[in-house]
Amino acid sequence: MEWIFLLIAYLPIVSIIVGLVLLIAGLVVKKTDKKKATGLLKLGGLCIGICLLVYGVFFLIGAMGLGPVPN
């Protein structure tokens, strides 16, 4: 069960790294294969979008006061 929490904790970091690698690979491949480059760019954007979504949800939870309250 701990691995699920560890995965959730590192999801944004892994998502950013994988997203940047895919975006760079898409830009490099763009000159040779347009179809593959489009797929890589979309997948890289999706990975970065997941990270932004997670951080946005955390921000909204904190802004609405739903997070933990210290004693």
PDB file of N, CA and C in Angstrom:
ATOM      1  N   MET A   1       0.805  -1.188   0.000  1.00  0.00           N
ATOM      2  CA  MET A   1       0.000   0.000   0.000  1.00  0.00           C
ATOM      3  C   MET A   1       0.856   1.264   0.000  1.00  0.00           C
ATOM      4  N   GLU A   2       2.030   1.174   0.579  1.00  0.00           N
ATOM      5  CA  GLU A   2       2.895   2.351   0.640  1.00  0.00           C
ATOM      6  C   GLU A   2       3.340   2.807  -0.744  1.00  0.00           C
ATOM      7  N   TRP A   3       3.478   1.868  -1.660  1.00  0.00           N
ATOM      8  CA  TRP A   3       3.958   2.223  -2.997  1.00  0.00           C
ATOM      9  C   TRP A   3       2.947   3.099  -3.722  1.00  0.00           C
ATOM     10  N   ILE A   4       1.668   2.979  -3.381  1.00  0.00           N
ATOM     11  CA  ILE A   4       0.661   3.837  -4.011  1.00  0.00           C
ATOM     12  C   ILE A   4       0.864   5.286  -3.572  1.00  0.00           C
ATOM     13  N   PHE A   5       1.099   5.483  -2.266  1.00  0.00           N
ATOM     14  CA  PHE A   5       1.328   6.835  -1.770  1.00  0.00           C
ATOM     15  C   PHE A   5       2.637   7.405  -2.308  1.00  0.00           C
ATOM     16  N   LEU A   6       3.643   6.560  -2.438  1.00  0.00           N
ATOM     17  CA  LEU A   6       4.915   7.002  -3.002  1.00  0.00           C
ATOM     18  C   LEU A   6       4.744   7.404  -4.460  1.00  0.00           C
ATOM     19  N   LEU A   7       3.949   6.640  -5.210  1.00  0.00           N
ATOM     20  CA  LEU A   7       3.673   6.962  -6.605  1.00  0.00           C
ATOM     21  C   LEU A   7       2.937   8.290  -6.725  1.00  0.00           C
ATOM     22  N   ILE A   8       1.962   8.514  -5.851  1.00  0.00           N
ATOM     23  CA  ILE A   8       1.216   9.774  -5.872  1.00  0.00           C
ATOM     24  C   ILE A   8       2.137  10.939  -5.529  1.00  0.00           C
ATOM     25  N   ALA A   9       3.063  10.741  -4.601  1.00  0.00           N
ATOM     26  CA  ALA A   9       3.967  11.817  -4.198  1.00  0.00           C
ATOM     27  C   ALA A   9       4.929  12.196  -5.322  1.00  0.00           C
ATOM     28  N   TYR A  10       5.405  11.211  -6.076  1.00  0.00           N
ATOM     29  CA  TYR A  10       6.379  11.490  -7.118  1.00  0.00           C
ATOM     30  C   TYR A  10       5.770  11.654  -8.508  1.00  0.00           C
ATOM     31  N   LEU A  11       4.459  11.560  -8.637  1.00  0.00           N
ATOM     32  CA  LEU A  11       3.802  11.678  -9.937  1.00  0.00           C
ATOM     33  C   LEU A  11       4.095  13.009 -10.631  1.00  0.00           C
ATOM     34  N   PRO A  12       3.997  14.147  -9.959  1.00  0.00           N
ATOM     35  CA  PRO A  12       4.288  15.408 -10.662  1.00  0.00           C
ATOM     36  C   PRO A  12       5.736  15.515 -11.126  1.00  0.00           C
ATOM     37  N   ILE A  13       6.663  15.026 -10.327  1.00  0.00           N
ATOM     38  CA  ILE A  13       8.079  15.116 -10.693  1.00  0.00           C
ATOM     39  C   ILE A  13       8.368  14.237 -11.900  1.00  0.00           C
ATOM     40  N   VAL A  14       7.884  13.008 -11.862  1.00  0.00           N
ATOM     41  CA  VAL A  14       8.083  12.086 -12.981  1.00  0.00           C
ATOM     42  C   VAL A  14       7.368  12.602 -14.222  1.00  0.00           C
ATOM     43  N   SER A  15       6.192  13.168 -14.035  1.00  0.00           N
ATOM     44  CA  SER A  15       5.418  13.694 -15.157  1.00  0.00           C
ATOM     45  C   SER A  15       6.148  14.842 -15.849  1.00  0.00           C
ATOM     46  N   ILE A  16       6.734  15.732 -15.090  1.00  0.00           N
ATOM     47  CA  ILE A  16       7.493  16.852 -15.683  1.00  0.00           C
ATOM     48  C   ILE A  16       8.705  16.331 -16.446  1.00  0.00           C
ATOM     49  N   ILE A  17       9.456  15.413 -15.856  1.00  0.00           N
ATOM     50  CA  ILE A  17      10.657  14.895 -16.508  1.00  0.00           C
ATOM     51  C   ILE A  17      10.306  14.169 -17.804  1.00  0.00           C
ATOM     52  N   VAL A  18       9.315  13.282 -17.735  1.00  0.00           N
ATOM     53  CA  VAL A  18       8.905  12.540 -18.928  1.00  0.00           C
ATOM     54  C   VAL A  18       8.325  13.484 -19.981  1.00  0.00           C
ATOM     55  N   GLY A  19       7.544  14.465 -19.534  1.00  0.00           N
ATOM     56  CA  GLY A  19       6.964  15.434 -20.467  1.00  0.00           C
ATOM     57  C   GLY A  19       8.020  16.246 -21.194  1.00  0.00           C
ATOM     58  N   LEU A  20       9.027  16.702 -20.472  1.00  0.00           N
ATOM     59  CA  LEU A  20      10.101  17.469 -21.122  1.00  0.00           C
ATOM     60  C   LEU A  20      10.892  16.612 -22.106  1.00  0.00           C
ATOM     61  N   VAL A  21      11.169  15.369 -21.723  1.00  0.00           N
ATOM     62  CA  VAL A  21      11.894  14.470 -22.631  1.00  0.00           C
ATOM     63  C   VAL A  21      11.079  14.228 -23.901  1.00  0.00           C
ATOM     64  N   LEU A  22       9.774  14.004 -23.756  1.00  0.00           N
ATOM     65  CA  LEU A  22       8.930  13.774 -24.922  1.00  0.00           C
ATOM     66  C   LEU A  22       8.813  15.021 -25.802  1.00  0.00           C
ATOM     67  N   LEU A  23       8.730  16.195 -25.187  1.00  0.00           N
ATOM     68  CA  LEU A  23       8.664  17.429 -25.981  1.00  0.00           C
ATOM     69  C   LEU A  23       9.955  17.648 -26.770  1.00  0.00           C
ATOM     70  N   ILE A  24      11.088  17.413 -26.128  1.00  0.00           N
ATOM     71  CA  ILE A  24      12.370  17.566 -26.827  1.00  0.00           C
ATOM     72  C   ILE A  24      12.494  16.534 -27.939  1.00  0.00           C
ATOM     73  N   ALA A  25      12.095  15.287 -27.658  1.00  0.00           N
ATOM     74  CA  ALA A  25      12.146  14.248 -28.691  1.00  0.00           C
ATOM     75  C   ALA A  25      11.217  14.591 -29.848  1.00  0.00           C
ATOM     76  N   GLY A  26      10.058  15.154 -29.556  1.00  0.00           N
ATOM     77  CA  GLY A  26       9.136  15.558 -30.616  1.00  0.00           C
ATOM     78  C   GLY A  26       9.704  16.661 -31.485  1.00  0.00           C
ATOM     79  N   LEU A  27      10.405  17.601 -30.872  1.00  0.00           N
ATOM     80  CA  LEU A  27      11.018  18.672 -31.660  1.00  0.00           C
ATOM     81  C   LEU A  27      12.181  18.162 -32.505  1.00  0.00           C
ATOM     82  N   VAL A  28      12.917  17.187 -31.987  1.00  0.00           N
ATOM     83  CA  VAL A  28      14.043  16.633 -32.744  1.00  0.00           C
ATOM     84  C   VAL A  28      13.540  15.805 -33.929  1.00  0.00           C
ATOM     85  N   VAL A  29      12.483  15.027 -33.712  1.00  0.00           N
ATOM     86  CA  VAL A  29      11.970  14.126 -34.748  1.00  0.00           C
ATOM     87  C   VAL A  29      11.123  14.880 -35.780  1.00  0.00           C
ATOM     88  N   LYS A  30      10.769  16.109 -35.477  1.00  0.00           N
ATOM     89  CA  LYS A  30       9.847  16.874 -36.321  1.00  0.00           C
ATOM     90  C   LYS A  30      10.304  16.998 -37.767  1.00  0.00           C
ATOM     91  N   LYS A  31      11.604  17.060 -37.985  1.00  0.00           N
ATOM     92  CA  LYS A  31      12.122  17.234 -39.351  1.00  0.00           C
ATOM     93  C   LYS A  31      12.008  15.963 -40.188  1.00  0.00           C
ATOM     94  N   THR A  32      12.023  14.802 -39.526  1.00  0.00           N
ATOM     95  CA  THR A  32      12.022  13.548 -40.292  1.00  0.00           C
ATOM     96  C   THR A  32      10.634  12.921 -40.407  1.00  0.00           C
ATOM     97  N   ASP A  33       9.867  12.903 -39.304  1.00  0.00           N
ATOM     98  CA  ASP A  33       8.574  12.219 -39.310  1.00  0.00           C
ATOM     99  C   ASP A  33       7.542  13.089 -38.601  1.00  0.00           C
ATOM    100  N   LYS A  34       6.683  13.735 -39.382  1.00  0.00           N
ATOM    101  CA  LYS A  34       5.704  14.670 -38.823  1.00  0.00           C
ATOM    102  C   LYS A  34       4.670  13.965 -37.949  1.00  0.00           C
ATOM    103  N   LYS A  35       4.245  12.768 -38.356  1.00  0.00           N
ATOM    104  CA  LYS A  35       3.200  12.066 -37.618  1.00  0.00           C
ATOM    105  C   LYS A  35       3.689  11.636 -36.234  1.00  0.00           C
ATOM    106  N   LYS A  36       4.905  11.083 -36.174  1.00  0.00           N
ATOM    107  CA  LYS A  36       5.479  10.666 -34.900  1.00  0.00           C
ATOM    108  C   LYS A  36       5.766  11.875 -34.014  1.00  0.00           C
ATOM    109  N   ALA A  37       6.210  12.968 -34.609  1.00  0.00           N
ATOM    110  CA  ALA A  37       6.502  14.176 -33.848  1.00  0.00           C
ATOM    111  C   ALA A  37       5.232  14.751 -33.229  1.00  0.00           C
ATOM    112  N   THR A  38       4.137  14.725 -33.971  1.00  0.00           N
ATOM    113  CA  THR A  38       2.878  15.228 -33.441  1.00  0.00           C
ATOM    114  C   THR A  38       2.430  14.390 -32.248  1.00  0.00           C
ATOM    115  N   GLY A  39       2.566  13.084 -32.342  1.00  0.00           N
ATOM    116  CA  GLY A  39       2.206  12.203 -31.230  1.00  0.00           C
ATOM    117  C   GLY A  39       3.063  12.444 -30.001  1.00  0.00           C
ATOM    118  N   LEU A  40       4.367  12.608 -30.213  1.00  0.00           N
ATOM    119  CA  LEU A  40       5.269  12.860 -29.090  1.00  0.00           C
ATOM    120  C   LEU A  40       4.972  14.199 -28.431  1.00  0.00           C
ATOM    121  N   LEU A  41       4.690  15.220 -29.232  1.00  0.00           N
ATOM    122  CA  LEU A  41       4.380  16.535 -28.677  1.00  0.00           C
ATOM    123  C   LEU A  41       3.069  16.510 -27.891  1.00  0.00           C
ATOM    124  N   LYS A  42       2.070  15.808 -28.404  1.00  0.00           N
ATOM    125  CA  LYS A  42       0.801  15.705 -27.683  1.00  0.00           C
ATOM    126  C   LYS A  42       0.978  14.944 -26.369  1.00  0.00           C
ATOM    127  N   LEU A  43       1.729  13.854 -26.394  1.00  0.00           N
ATOM    128  CA  LEU A  43       1.961  13.066 -25.188  1.00  0.00           C
ATOM    129  C   LEU A  43       2.772  13.855 -24.158  1.00  0.00           C
ATOM    130  N   GLY A  44       3.769  14.606 -24.615  1.00  0.00           N
ATOM    131  CA  GLY A  44       4.543  15.452 -23.708  1.00  0.00           C
ATOM    132  C   GLY A  44       3.697  16.547 -23.093  1.00  0.00           C
ATOM    133  N   GLY A  45       2.831  17.149 -23.889  1.00  0.00           N
ATOM    134  CA  GLY A  45       1.919  18.159 -23.356  1.00  0.00           C
ATOM    135  C   GLY A  45       0.938  17.577 -22.362  1.00  0.00           C
ATOM    136  N   LEU A  46       0.496  16.349 -22.601  1.00  0.00           N
ATOM    137  CA  LEU A  46      -0.406  15.678 -21.682  1.00  0.00           C
ATOM    138  C   LEU A  46       0.281  15.397 -20.343  1.00  0.00           C
ATOM    139  N   CYS A  47       1.535  14.978 -20.393  1.00  0.00           N
ATOM    140  CA  CYS A  47       2.278  14.708 -19.158  1.00  0.00           C
ATOM    141  C   CYS A  47       2.450  15.984 -18.333  1.00  0.00           C
ATOM    142  N   ILE A  48       2.792  17.071 -18.981  1.00  0.00           N
ATOM    143  CA  ILE A  48       2.945  18.336 -18.262  1.00  0.00           C
ATOM    144  C   ILE A  48       1.584  18.840 -17.792  1.00  0.00           C
ATOM    145  N   GLY A  49       0.544  18.595 -18.571  1.00  0.00           N
ATOM    146  CA  GLY A  49      -0.805  18.973 -18.157  1.00  0.00           C
ATOM    147  C   GLY A  49      -1.260  18.220 -16.916  1.00  0.00           C
ATOM    148  N   ILE A  50      -0.891  16.944 -16.801  1.00  0.00           N
ATOM    149  CA  ILE A  50      -1.222  16.165 -15.600  1.00  0.00           C
ATOM    150  C   ILE A  50      -0.568  16.790 -14.376  1.00  0.00           C
ATOM    151  N   CYS A  51       0.687  17.193 -14.524  1.00  0.00           N
ATOM    152  CA  CYS A  51       1.396  17.815 -13.407  1.00  0.00           C
ATOM    153  C   CYS A  51       0.719  19.116 -13.000  1.00  0.00           C
ATOM    154  N   LEU A  52       0.372  19.943 -13.969  1.00  0.00           N
ATOM    155  CA  LEU A  52      -0.297  21.204 -13.661  1.00  0.00           C
ATOM    156  C   LEU A  52      -1.665  20.967 -13.028  1.00  0.00           C
ATOM    157  N   LEU A  53      -2.356  19.931 -13.446  1.00  0.00           N
ATOM    158  CA  LEU A  53      -3.652  19.603 -12.861  1.00  0.00           C
ATOM    159  C   LEU A  53      -3.508  19.196 -11.400  1.00  0.00           C
ATOM    160  N   VAL A  54      -2.521  18.367 -11.091  1.00  0.00           N
ATOM    161  CA  VAL A  54      -2.295  17.931  -9.709  1.00  0.00           C
ATOM    162  C   VAL A  54      -1.961  19.130  -8.824  1.00  0.00           C
ATOM    163  N   TYR A  55      -1.044  19.988  -9.274  1.00  0.00           N
ATOM    164  CA  TYR A  55      -0.693  21.158  -8.479  1.00  0.00           C
ATOM    165  C   TYR A  55      -1.860  22.129  -8.374  1.00  0.00           C
ATOM    166  N   GLY A  56      -2.673  22.238  -9.413  1.00  0.00           N
ATOM    167  CA  GLY A  56      -3.848  23.100  -9.350  1.00  0.00           C
ATOM    168  C   GLY A  56      -4.859  22.605  -8.329  1.00  0.00           C
ATOM    169  N   VAL A  57      -5.068  21.299  -8.275  1.00  0.00           N
ATOM    170  CA  VAL A  57      -5.985  20.724  -7.284  1.00  0.00           C
ATOM    171  C   VAL A  57      -5.455  20.958  -5.875  1.00  0.00           C
ATOM    172  N   PHE A  58      -4.163  20.754  -5.666  1.00  0.00           N
ATOM    173  CA  PHE A  58      -3.581  21.008  -4.345  1.00  0.00           C
ATOM    174  C   PHE A  58      -3.729  22.480  -3.954  1.00  0.00           C
ATOM    175  N   PHE A  59      -3.530  23.386  -4.904  1.00  0.00           N
ATOM    176  CA  PHE A  59      -3.678  24.813  -4.622  1.00  0.00           C
ATOM    177  C   PHE A  59      -5.115  25.145  -4.237  1.00  0.00           C
ATOM    178  N   LEU A  60      -6.074  24.600  -4.976  1.00  0.00           N
ATOM    179  CA  LEU A  60      -7.473  24.877  -4.665  1.00  0.00           C
ATOM    180  C   LEU A  60      -7.886  24.291  -3.317  1.00  0.00           C
ATOM    181  N   ILE A  61      -7.382  23.123  -2.985  1.00  0.00           N
ATOM    182  CA  ILE A  61      -7.676  22.531  -1.685  1.00  0.00           C
ATOM    183  C   ILE A  61      -7.145  23.437  -0.568  1.00  0.00           C
ATOM    184  N   GLY A  62      -5.938  23.952  -0.745  1.00  0.00           N
ATOM    185  CA  GLY A  62      -5.374  24.854   0.249  1.00  0.00           C
ATOM    186  C   GLY A  62      -6.075  26.188   0.300  1.00  0.00           C
ATOM    187  N   ALA A  63      -6.471  26.712  -0.851  1.00  0.00           N
ATOM    188  CA  ALA A  63      -7.136  28.016  -0.901  1.00  0.00           C
ATOM    189  C   ALA A  63      -8.529  27.959  -0.289  1.00  0.00           C
ATOM    190  N   MET A  64      -9.198  26.813  -0.394  1.00  0.00           N
ATOM    191  CA  MET A  64     -10.529  26.687   0.184  1.00  0.00           C
ATOM    192  C   MET A  64     -10.482  26.287   1.664  1.00  0.00           C
ATOM    193  N   GLY A  65      -9.297  26.040   2.174  1.00  0.00           N
ATOM    194  CA  GLY A  65      -9.169  25.711   3.588  1.00  0.00           C
ATOM    195  C   GLY A  65      -9.534  24.281   3.920  1.00  0.00           C
ATOM    196  N   LEU A  66      -9.455  23.378   2.965  1.00  0.00           N
ATOM    197  CA  LEU A  66      -9.814  21.994   3.217  1.00  0.00           C
ATOM    198  C   LEU A  66      -8.644  21.140   3.674  1.00  0.00           C
ATOM    199  N   GLY A  67      -7.465  21.722   3.718  1.00  0.00           N
ATOM    200  CA  GLY A  67      -6.275  20.963   4.089  1.00  0.00           C
ATOM    201  C   GLY A  67      -6.187  20.753   5.594  1.00  0.00           C
ATOM    202  N   PRO A  68      -5.119  20.123   6.047  1.00  0.00           N
ATOM    203  CA  PRO A  68      -4.948  19.884   7.486  1.00  0.00           C
ATOM    204  C   PRO A  68      -4.712  21.194   8.241  1.00  0.00           C
ATOM    205  N   VAL A  69      -5.230  21.239   9.454  1.00  0.00           N
ATOM    206  CA  VAL A  69      -5.087  22.435  10.299  1.00  0.00           C
ATOM    207  C   VAL A  69      -4.137  22.107  11.438  1.00  0.00           C
ATOM    208  N   PRO A  70      -3.064  22.894  11.611  1.00  0.00           N
ATOM    209  CA  PRO A  70      -2.139  22.609  12.710  1.00  0.00           C
ATOM    210  C   PRO A  70      -2.782  22.934  14.053  1.00  0.00           C
ATOM    211  N   ASN A  71      -2.323  22.258  15.088  1.00  0.00           N
ATOM    212  CA  ASN A  71      -2.877  22.481  16.442  1.00  0.00           C
ATOM    213  C   ASN A  71      -2.408  23.773  17.016  1.00  0.00           C
TER     214      ASN A  71
END
